[in-house]
C-alpha atoms as a PDB file:
ATOM      1  CA  MET A   1     -66.591 -82.472-100.525  1.00  0.00           C
ATOM      2  CA  VAL A   2     -66.724 -79.763 -97.840  1.00  0.00           C
ATOM      3  CA  ALA A   3     -66.160 -80.793 -94.215  1.00  0.00           C
ATOM      4  CA  LEU A   4     -68.603 -79.008 -91.648  1.00  0.00           C
ATOM      5  CA  PHE A   5     -68.450 -78.756 -87.930  1.00  0.00           C
ATOM      6  CA  MET A   6     -70.389 -77.160 -85.623  1.00  0.00           C
ATOM      7  CA  VAL A   7     -69.897 -74.375 -83.128  1.00  0.00           C
ATOM      8  CA  THR A   8     -72.154 -74.025 -80.317  1.00  0.00           C
ATOM      9  CA  VAL A   9     -73.344 -70.783 -79.221  1.00  0.00           C
ATOM     10  CA  PRO A  10     -75.694 -70.201 -76.088  1.00  0.00           C
ATOM     11  CA  ALA A  11     -78.909 -69.009 -76.463  1.00  0.00           C
ATOM     12  CA  TRP A  12     -78.146 -65.940 -74.493  1.00  0.00           C
ATOM     13  CA  GLY A  13     -75.469 -64.833 -77.280  1.00  0.00           C
ATOM     14  CA  GLY A  14     -72.386 -65.468 -75.089  1.00  0.00           C
ATOM     15  CA  PRO A  15     -69.098 -66.706 -76.235  1.00  0.00           C
ATOM     16  CA  PRO A  16     -68.973 -69.900 -77.910  1.00  0.00           C
ATOM     17  CA  ARG A  17     -69.067 -73.307 -75.882  1.00  0.00           C
ATOM     18  CA  GLN A  18     -65.511 -74.945 -75.443  1.00  0.00           C
ATOM     19  CA  HIS A  19     -65.910 -78.400 -76.345  1.00  0.00           C
ATOM     20  CA  CYS A  20     -62.576 -79.222 -74.869  1.00  0.00           C
ATOM     21  CA  LEU A  21     -64.654 -79.149 -71.479  1.00  0.00           C
ATOM     22  CA  SER A  22     -66.539 -82.267 -72.681  1.00  0.00           C
ATOM     23  CA  CYS A  23     -63.653 -84.752 -72.446  1.00  0.00           C
ATOM     24  CA  HIS A  24     -61.113 -82.879 -70.083  1.00  0.00           C
ATOM     25  CA  SER A  25     -61.505 -81.267 -66.761  1.00  0.00           C
ATOM     26  CA  ALA A  26     -61.035 -77.712 -66.256  1.00  0.00           C
ATOM     27  CA  HIS A  27     -58.003 -76.235 -64.820  1.00  0.00           C
ATOM     28  CA  TYR A  28     -56.267 -72.843 -64.534  1.00  0.00           C
ATOM     29  CA  GLU A  29     -59.662 -71.461 -65.511  1.00  0.00           C
ATOM     30  CA  GLU A  30     -58.270 -67.908 -64.428  1.00  0.00           C
ATOM     31  CA  LYS A  31     -55.730 -68.426 -67.630  1.00  0.00           C
ATOM     32  CA  GLY A  32     -58.754 -68.007 -69.936  1.00  0.00           C
ATOM     33  CA  LYS A  33     -59.980 -70.258 -72.697  1.00  0.00           C
ATOM     34  CA  CYS A  34     -58.254 -73.847 -73.192  1.00  0.00           C
ATOM     35  CA  SER A  35     -57.021 -72.717 -76.511  1.00  0.00           C
ATOM     36  CA  ASP A  36     -54.992 -69.743 -74.991  1.00  0.00           C
ATOM     37  CA  CYS A  37     -52.770 -72.070 -73.682  1.00  0.00           C
ATOM     38  CA  HIS A  38     -53.026 -75.178 -75.390  1.00  0.00           C
ATOM     39  CA  LEU A  39     -53.904 -73.877 -78.883  1.00  0.00           C
ATOM     40  CA  GLY A  40     -56.212 -76.253 -80.853  1.00  0.00           C
ATOM     41  CA  ASN A  41     -59.620 -75.334 -81.773  1.00  0.00           C
ATOM     42  CA  PRO A  42     -62.300 -75.490 -78.737  1.00  0.00           C
ATOM     43  CA  ALA A  43     -65.126 -74.296 -80.747  1.00  0.00           C
ATOM     44  CA  ALA A  44     -64.985 -77.624 -82.937  1.00  0.00           C
ATOM     45  CA  GLY A  45     -67.096 -80.614 -81.969  1.00  0.00           C
ATOM     46  CA  ARG A  46     -64.666 -83.202 -83.921  1.00  0.00           C
ATOM     47  CA  LYS A  47     -61.958 -84.456 -82.365  1.00  0.00           C
ATOM     48  CA  ASN A  48     -59.295 -84.115 -85.389  1.00  0.00           C
ATOM     49  CA  ILE A  49     -60.534 -80.607 -85.987  1.00  0.00           C
ATOM     50  CA  ALA A  50     -60.196 -79.399 -82.040  1.00  0.00           C
ATOM     51  CA  HIS A  51     -56.813 -81.254 -81.841  1.00  0.00           C
ATOM     52  CA  ALA A  52     -55.443 -79.781 -84.812  1.00  0.00           C
ATOM     53  CA  GLY A  53     -52.254 -77.925 -83.681  1.00  0.00           C
ATOM     54  CA  VAL A  54     -52.871 -78.518 -79.914  1.00  0.00           C
ATOM     55  CA  ARG A  55     -50.301 -78.191 -77.510  1.00  0.00           C
ATOM     56  CA  ALA A  56     -49.614 -80.874 -74.993  1.00  0.00           C
ATOM     57  CA  GLY A  57     -49.697 -79.519 -71.152  1.00  0.00           C
ATOM     58  CA  LYS A  58     -45.869 -80.020 -70.617  1.00  0.00           C
ATOM     59  CA  TYR A  59     -45.425 -77.474 -73.210  1.00  0.00           C
ATOM     60  CA  CYS A  60     -47.650 -74.884 -71.806  1.00  0.00           C
ATOM     61  CA  ARG A  61     -45.741 -74.748 -68.496  1.00  0.00           C
ATOM     62  CA  PHE A  62     -44.288 -71.286 -69.843  1.00  0.00           C
ATOM     63  CA  THR A  63     -47.775 -69.694 -69.709  1.00  0.00           C
ATOM     64  CA  LEU A  64     -48.266 -70.158 -65.892  1.00  0.00           C
ATOM     65  CA  GLY A  65     -45.546 -67.408 -65.095  1.00  0.00           C
ATOM     66  CA  ASN A  66     -43.476 -69.705 -62.707  1.00  0.00           C
ATOM     67  CA  ALA A  67     -40.313 -67.732 -62.148  1.00  0.00           C
ATOM     68  CA  VAL A  68     -38.529 -70.768 -61.047  1.00  0.00           C
ATOM     69  CA  GLN A  69     -39.283 -72.609 -64.413  1.00  0.00           C
ATOM     70  CA  LYS A  70     -38.373 -69.328 -66.514  1.00  0.00           C
ATOM     71  CA  ARG A  71     -34.810 -69.217 -65.044  1.00  0.00           C
ATOM     72  CA  GLU A  72     -34.272 -72.801 -65.572  1.00  0.00           C
ATOM     73  CA  GLY A  73     -35.203 -72.364 -69.206  1.00  0.00           C
ATOM     74  CA  GLU A  74     -33.039 -69.029 -69.435  1.00  0.00           C
ATOM     75  CA  GLN A  75     -30.083 -71.016 -67.877  1.00  0.00           C
ATOM     76  CA  LEU A  76     -30.360 -73.954 -70.254  1.00  0.00           C
ATOM     77  CA  ILE A  77     -30.481 -71.597 -73.250  1.00  0.00           C
ATOM     78  CA  GLU A  78     -27.231 -70.144 -72.157  1.00  0.00           C
ATOM     79  CA  GLN A  79     -25.673 -73.277 -70.866  1.00  0.00           C
ATOM     80  CA  LEU A  80     -26.376 -74.672 -74.444  1.00  0.00           C
ATOM     81  CA  SER A  81     -25.229 -71.372 -76.380  1.00  0.00           C
ATOM     82  CA  CYS A  82     -28.254 -71.526 -78.660  1.00  0.00           C
ATOM     83  CA  ARG A  83     -27.528 -67.802 -79.451  1.00  0.00           C
ATOM     84  CA  ARG A  84     -24.225 -68.637 -81.038  1.00  0.00           C
ATOM     85  CA  CYS A  85     -26.534 -69.621 -84.140  1.00  0.00           C
ATOM     86  CA  HIS A  86     -30.313 -68.952 -83.386  1.00  0.00           C
ATOM     87  CA  ILE A  87     -32.127 -65.942 -82.296  1.00  0.00           C
ATOM     88  CA  THR A  88     -34.188 -66.390 -79.340  1.00  0.00           C
ATOM     89  CA  THR A  89     -35.828 -63.608 -77.218  1.00  0.00           C
ATOM     90  CA  GLY A  90     -34.859 -61.078 -79.921  1.00  0.00           C
ATOM     91  CA  ARG A  91     -31.094 -61.536 -79.401  1.00  0.00           C
ATOM     92  CA  GLY A  92     -28.737 -63.962 -81.131  1.00  0.00           C
ATOM     93  CA  ASN A  93     -26.863 -64.564 -84.101  1.00  0.00           C
ATOM     94  CA  ARG A  94     -28.456 -65.061 -87.651  1.00  0.00           C
ATOM     95  CA  LEU A  95     -26.276 -68.079 -88.552  1.00  0.00           C
ATOM     96  CA  ALA A  96     -29.949 -70.339 -88.510  1.00  0.00           C
ATOM     97  CA  VAL A  97     -33.396 -70.076 -88.389  1.00  0.00           C
ATOM     98  CA  SER A  98     -34.881 -67.456 -85.817  1.00  0.00           C
ATOM     99  CA  LEU A  99     -36.431 -69.578 -82.803  1.00  0.00           C
ATOM    100  CA  ASP A 100     -38.768 -66.579 -82.158  1.00  0.00           C
ATOM    101  CA  THR A 101     -40.035 -67.035 -85.734  1.00  0.00           C
ATOM    102  CA  ALA A 102     -39.955 -71.056 -85.622  1.00  0.00           C
ATOM    103  CA  ALA A 103     -42.133 -70.667 -82.346  1.00  0.00           C
ATOM    104  CA  ALA A 104     -44.750 -69.127 -84.210  1.00  0.00           C
ATOM    105  CA  HIS A 105     -44.993 -71.421 -86.902  1.00  0.00           C
ATOM    106  CA  LYS A 106     -43.721 -74.847 -85.604  1.00  0.00           C
ATOM    107  CA  THR A 107     -45.961 -77.078 -83.241  1.00  0.00           C
ATOM    108  CA  ALA A 108     -44.281 -78.308 -79.890  1.00  0.00           C
ATOM    109  CA  ALA A 109     -43.818 -81.770 -81.166  1.00  0.00           C
ATOM    110  CA  GLU A 110     -41.741 -80.226 -84.102  1.00  0.00           C
ATOM    111  CA  LEU A 111     -39.260 -78.123 -81.965  1.00  0.00           C
ATOM    112  CA  ALA A 112     -38.855 -80.942 -79.702  1.00  0.00           C
ATOM    113  CA  LEU A 113     -38.034 -83.276 -82.283  1.00  0.00           C
ATOM    114  CA  SER A 114     -35.161 -80.705 -84.166  1.00  0.00           C
ATOM    115  CA  ILE A 115     -33.576 -80.909 -80.588  1.00  0.00           C
ATOM    116  CA  ARG A 116     -34.091 -84.819 -80.002  1.00  0.00           C
ATOM    117  CA  ARG A 117     -32.688 -85.248 -83.612  1.00  0.00           C
ATOM    118  CA  PRO A 118     -30.764 -82.529 -84.917  1.00  0.00           C
ATOM    119  CA  VAL A 119     -30.060 -81.726 -88.464  1.00  0.00           C
ATOM    120  CA  GLU A 120     -26.665 -82.216 -89.867  1.00  0.00           C
ATOM    121  CA  ASN A 121     -24.028 -79.783 -88.614  1.00  0.00           C
ATOM    122  CA  MET A 122     -26.474 -78.511 -85.360  1.00  0.00           C
ATOM    123  CA  PRO A 123     -24.776 -80.356 -82.112  1.00  0.00           C
ATOM    124  CA  ASN A 124     -26.393 -83.080 -80.678  1.00  0.00           C
ATOM    125  CA  PHE A 125     -26.967 -82.049 -77.325  1.00  0.00           C
ATOM    126  CA  VAL A 126     -28.185 -85.368 -76.110  1.00  0.00           C
ATOM    127  CA  LEU A 127     -30.870 -84.081 -73.403  1.00  0.00           C
ATOM    128  CA  ASN A 128     -33.586 -86.007 -71.776  1.00  0.00           C
ATOM    129  CA  GLU A 129     -36.819 -85.537 -72.466  1.00  0.00           C
ATOM    130  CA  GLU A 130     -37.279 -83.142 -69.288  1.00  0.00           C
ATOM    131  CA  LEU A 131     -34.694 -81.031 -70.608  1.00  0.00           C
ATOM    132  CA  ILE A 132     -36.012 -80.805 -74.077  1.00  0.00           C
ATOM    133  CA  THR A 133     -39.448 -79.914 -72.632  1.00  0.00           C
ATOM    134  CA  ILE A 134     -37.473 -77.137 -70.746  1.00  0.00           C
ATOM    135  CA  VAL A 135     -36.020 -75.860 -73.695  1.00  0.00           C
ATOM    136  CA  VAL A 136     -39.073 -75.729 -75.868  1.00  0.00           C
ATOM    137  CA  ASN A 137     -41.042 -73.560 -72.953  1.00  0.00           C
ATOM    138  CA  ALA A 138     -38.191 -70.910 -72.752  1.00  0.00           C
ATOM    139  CA  ILE A 139     -38.218 -71.203 -76.774  1.00  0.00           C
ATOM    140  CA  TYR A 140     -41.874 -70.188 -76.297  1.00  0.00           C
ATOM    141  CA  ALA A 141     -41.552 -67.800 -73.694  1.00  0.00           C
ATOM    142  CA  GLY A 142     -38.935 -65.814 -75.311  1.00  0.00           C
ATOM    143  CA  SER A 143     -40.749 -65.585 -78.366  1.00  0.00           C
ATOM    144  CA  LEU A 144     -43.986 -63.983 -76.880  1.00  0.00           C
ATOM    145  CA  LYS A 145     -42.377 -60.116 -77.600  1.00  0.00           C
ATOM    146  CA  HIS A 146     -40.452 -61.312 -80.814  1.00  0.00           C
ATOM    147  CA  LYS A 147     -42.740 -63.499 -83.032  1.00  0.00           C
ATOM    148  CA  THR A 148     -42.095 -61.063 -86.017  1.00  0.00           C
ATOM    149  CA  ASP A 149     -38.863 -61.444 -87.263  1.00  0.00           C
ATOM    150  CA  VAL A 150     -38.639 -58.575 -90.243  1.00  0.00           C
ATOM    151  CA  GLU A 151     -34.879 -58.891 -91.134  1.00  0.00           C
ATOM    152  CA  THR A 152     -33.952 -60.363 -93.988  1.00  0.00           C
ATOM    153  CA  PRO A 153     -34.018 -64.198 -94.076  1.00  0.00           C
ATOM    154  CA  VAL A 154     -31.165 -66.335 -93.390  1.00  0.00           C
ATOM    155  CA  GLN A 155     -29.399 -67.746 -96.293  1.00  0.00           C
ATOM    156  CA  VAL A 156     -29.452 -71.495 -96.517  1.00  0.00           C
ATOM    157  CA  HIS A 157     -26.624 -73.600 -98.221  1.00  0.00           C
ATOM    158  CA  PHE A 158     -27.995 -76.643 -99.309  1.00  0.00           C
ATOM    159  CA  THR A 159     -24.682 -77.994-100.739  1.00  0.00           C
ATOM    160  CA  PRO A 160     -21.100 -77.140-100.149  1.00  0.00           C
ATOM    161  CA  SER A 161     -19.788 -73.812-101.888  1.00  0.00           C
ATOM    162  CA  VAL A 162     -18.521 -74.657-105.365  1.00  0.00           C
ATOM    163  CA  SER A 163     -14.956 -73.241-105.712  1.00  0.00           C
ATOM    164  CA  LYS A 164     -11.821 -73.762-107.527  1.00  0.00           C
ATOM    165  CA  GLU A 165      -9.888 -74.296-104.149  1.00  0.00           C
ATOM    166  CA  PRO A 166     -11.111 -75.376-100.765  1.00  0.00           C
ATOM    167  CA  ASP A 167     -11.546 -72.742 -97.966  1.00  0.00           C
ATOM    168  CA  VAL A 168      -9.013 -72.686 -95.573  1.00  0.00           C
ATOM    169  CA  PHE A 169     -11.278 -73.569 -93.055  1.00  0.00           C
ATOM    170  CA  SER A 170     -11.821 -76.682 -94.262  1.00  0.00           C
ATOM    171  CA  VAL A 171      -8.199 -77.472 -95.130  1.00  0.00           C
ATOM    172  CA  LYS A 172      -6.794 -76.124 -91.775  1.00  0.00           C
ATOM    173  CA  CYS A 173      -9.511 -76.897 -89.100  1.00  0.00           C
ATOM    174  CA  GLY A 174     -12.267 -78.859 -90.806  1.00  0.00           C
ATOM    175  CA  ARG A 175     -10.919 -82.207 -89.899  1.00  0.00           C
ATOM    176  CA  CYS A 176     -11.503 -81.566 -86.257  1.00  0.00           C
ATOM    177  CA  HIS A 177     -14.189 -78.642 -86.082  1.00  0.00           C
ATOM    178  CA  ARG A 178     -17.167 -77.466 -87.649  1.00  0.00           C
ATOM    179  CA  VAL A 179     -18.630 -74.081 -88.216  1.00  0.00           C
ATOM    180  CA  LEU A 180     -21.834 -72.613 -89.467  1.00  0.00           C
ATOM    181  CA  SER A 181     -20.632 -69.441 -91.427  1.00  0.00           C
ATOM    182  CA  ARG A 182     -22.778 -66.856 -93.235  1.00  0.00           C
ATOM    183  CA  ARG A 183     -20.657 -66.780 -96.251  1.00  0.00           C
ATOM    184  CA  LEU A 184     -20.360 -70.549 -96.858  1.00  0.00           C
ATOM    185  CA  GLY A 185     -22.820 -72.210 -94.766  1.00  0.00           C
ATOM    186  CA  ALA A 186     -21.813 -75.305 -93.160  1.00  0.00           C
ATOM    187  CA  VAL A 187     -18.130 -75.737 -93.168  1.00  0.00           C
ATOM    188  CA  GLY A 188     -16.025 -78.781 -91.881  1.00  0.00           C
ATOM    189  CA  THR A 189     -16.464 -82.359 -90.972  1.00  0.00           C
ATOM    190  CA  GLY A 190     -14.827 -82.778 -87.518  1.00  0.00           C
ATOM    191  CA  THR A 191     -16.494 -83.584 -84.460  1.00  0.00           C
ATOM    192  CA  ILE A 192     -13.225 -84.147 -82.126  1.00  0.00           C
ATOM    193  CA  GLY A 193     -12.796 -80.144 -81.288  1.00  0.00           C
ATOM    194  CA  PRO A 194     -15.689 -78.078 -80.490  1.00  0.00           C
ATOM    195  CA  ASN A 195     -18.200 -76.341 -82.990  1.00  0.00           C
ATOM    196  CA  LEU A 196     -16.869 -72.841 -83.814  1.00  0.00           C
ATOM    197  CA  SER A 197     -20.093 -71.059 -84.967  1.00  0.00           C
ATOM    198  CA  GLY A 198     -20.463 -67.706 -83.607  1.00  0.00           C
ATOM    199  CA  LEU A 199     -16.536 -67.583 -82.408  1.00  0.00           C
ATOM    200  CA  PHE A 200     -16.462 -64.109 -82.253  1.00  0.00           C
ATOM    201  CA  SER A 201     -19.824 -62.978 -80.861  1.00  0.00           C
ATOM    202  CA  ASP A 202     -21.046 -62.052 -77.511  1.00  0.00           C
ATOM    203  CA  TYR A 203     -22.956 -65.686 -77.382  1.00  0.00           C
ATOM    204  CA  TYR A 204     -20.090 -67.997 -77.852  1.00  0.00           C
ATOM    205  CA  PRO A 205     -18.806 -69.175 -74.307  1.00  0.00           C
ATOM    206  CA  LYS A 206     -15.521 -67.460 -73.085  1.00  0.00           C
ATOM    207  CA  THR A 207     -13.358 -70.437 -73.054  1.00  0.00           C
ATOM    208  CA  PHE A 208     -10.255 -68.818 -74.416  1.00  0.00           C
ATOM    209  CA  LYS A 209      -8.321 -68.391 -71.114  1.00  0.00           C
ATOM    210  CA  ASP A 210      -9.217 -67.382 -67.895  1.00  0.00           C
ATOM    211  CA  GLY A 211     -12.662 -66.460 -68.727  1.00  0.00           C
ATOM    212  CA  GLU A 212     -11.937 -64.501 -71.955  1.00  0.00           C
ATOM    213  CA  ALA A 213     -13.904 -64.391 -74.773  1.00  0.00           C
ATOM    214  CA  TRP A 214     -12.365 -65.420 -78.198  1.00  0.00           C
ATOM    215  CA  THR A 215     -11.118 -62.338 -80.505  1.00  0.00           C
ATOM    216  CA  VAL A 216      -9.129 -62.291 -83.637  1.00  0.00           C
ATOM    217  CA  ARG A 217      -6.203 -61.835 -81.542  1.00  0.00           C
ATOM    218  CA  ASN A 218      -6.548 -64.458 -78.793  1.00  0.00           C
ATOM    219  CA  LEU A 219      -7.450 -67.043 -81.872  1.00  0.00           C
ATOM    220  CA  ASP A 220      -3.993 -65.750 -83.612  1.00  0.00           C
ATOM    221  CA  VAL A 221      -2.149 -66.611 -80.038  1.00  0.00           C
ATOM    222  CA  TRP A 222      -4.067 -69.594 -79.944  1.00  0.00           C
ATOM    223  CA  LEU A 223      -3.350 -71.333 -83.348  1.00  0.00           C
ATOM    224  CA  LYS A 224       0.544 -70.339 -83.177  1.00  0.00           C
ATOM    225  CA  ASN A 225       0.702 -72.326 -79.742  1.00  0.00           C
ATOM    226  CA  PRO A 226      -1.997 -73.897 -78.093  1.00  0.00           C
ATOM    227  CA  ARG A 227       0.127 -75.232 -75.542  1.00  0.00           C
ATOM    228  CA  LYS A 228       1.364 -71.825 -74.340  1.00  0.00           C
ATOM    229  CA  ILE A 229      -2.757 -71.302 -73.391  1.00  0.00           C
ATOM    230  CA  ARG A 230      -3.474 -74.574 -72.405  1.00  0.00           C
ATOM    231  CA  PRO A 231      -0.486 -76.764 -71.293  1.00  0.00           C
ATOM    232  CA  TRP A 232      -2.230 -80.360 -71.611  1.00  0.00           C
ATOM    233  CA  SER A 233      -3.959 -79.245 -74.872  1.00  0.00           C
ATOM    234  CA  GLU A 234      -3.762 -81.956 -77.678  1.00  0.00           C
ATOM    235  CA  MET A 235      -4.110 -79.599 -80.519  1.00  0.00           C
ATOM    236  CA  MET A 236      -1.244 -78.856 -82.499  1.00  0.00           C
ATOM    237  CA  PRO A 237       0.311 -75.537 -83.868  1.00  0.00           C
ATOM    238  CA  VAL A 238      -1.285 -74.236 -86.922  1.00  0.00           C
ATOM    239  CA  THR A 239       0.605 -72.189 -89.680  1.00  0.00           C
ATOM    240  CA  LEU A 240      -1.205 -69.370 -91.584  1.00  0.00           C
ATOM    241  CA  THR A 241      -0.487 -67.031 -94.169  1.00  0.00           C
ATOM    242  CA  ALA A 242      -1.777 -63.550 -93.662  1.00  0.00           C
ATOM    243  CA  ALA A 243      -4.129 -64.067 -96.343  1.00  0.00           C
ATOM    244  CA  GLU A 244      -5.494 -67.617 -94.904  1.00  0.00           C
ATOM    245  CA  MET A 245      -5.563 -65.604 -91.491  1.00  0.00           C
ATOM    246  CA  LYS A 246      -7.740 -63.123 -93.080  1.00  0.00           C
ATOM    247  CA  GLU A 247     -10.031 -65.694 -94.888  1.00  0.00           C
ATOM    248  CA  LEU A 248     -10.244 -67.796 -91.572  1.00  0.00           C
ATOM    249  CA  MET A 249     -11.622 -64.502 -89.742  1.00  0.00           C
ATOM    250  CA  GLU A 250     -14.208 -64.012 -92.478  1.00  0.00           C
ATOM    251  CA  ILE A 251     -15.502 -67.232 -92.106  1.00  0.00           C
ATOM    252  CA  LEU A 252     -15.564 -67.431 -88.617  1.00  0.00           C
ATOM    253  CA  SER A 253     -17.414 -63.833 -88.366  1.00  0.00           C
ATOM    254  CA  ALA A 254     -21.121 -64.190 -87.447  1.00  0.00           C
ATOM    255  CA  ARG A 255     -21.617 -61.061 -89.099  1.00  0.00           C
END
């Protein structure tokens, strides 16, 4: 059975009629057709076809070019450190799916749901609906010039790495921390300490000491005596052999 739908073409040969306007009032007409912002199929007369993939108005704010809204979105992306794991606006670590690519293939509702109910090992930011809306708009805005990701896809690890011995992160750090690594995928089960994904990259918050970034040297100093850096730290010193330290650095590397 073939589903048919009508496309109304004016007698004078102009552009097809936008059936959206049969139910919705026109707004921002200078922006072009309804589908330029909301997607969907404005040429379809059937509601279910017209609304397929439609984007709600609150997720179309990025199309208005409001400088304040754009700045709010960019600031929130930075505050949440999304680029520790994701690429957005063409920048970030490739530890998880590229948000630029996701924006081209996922609906706004799907993007919002992934923030509202994050998958395992993704931080739960506990954002209210307005902040989620701002993030989704920022993702869409950032993807406009970066929709095609031609790099090698991220390797997904659906099960823990199988090895004769547990990795050093799981043994020494995993009870308090988690990390998304290139080599092993998600490692660790702790939620007491911060997520360490992308620790040595430009996108991890500079929280070592006095606004310094985390480096191999700084981490080594920290592990030997956390209270030397932060007198009130509750973390105990972690003793590592040279081989263990090397393995830990490899796991924490985002490259």
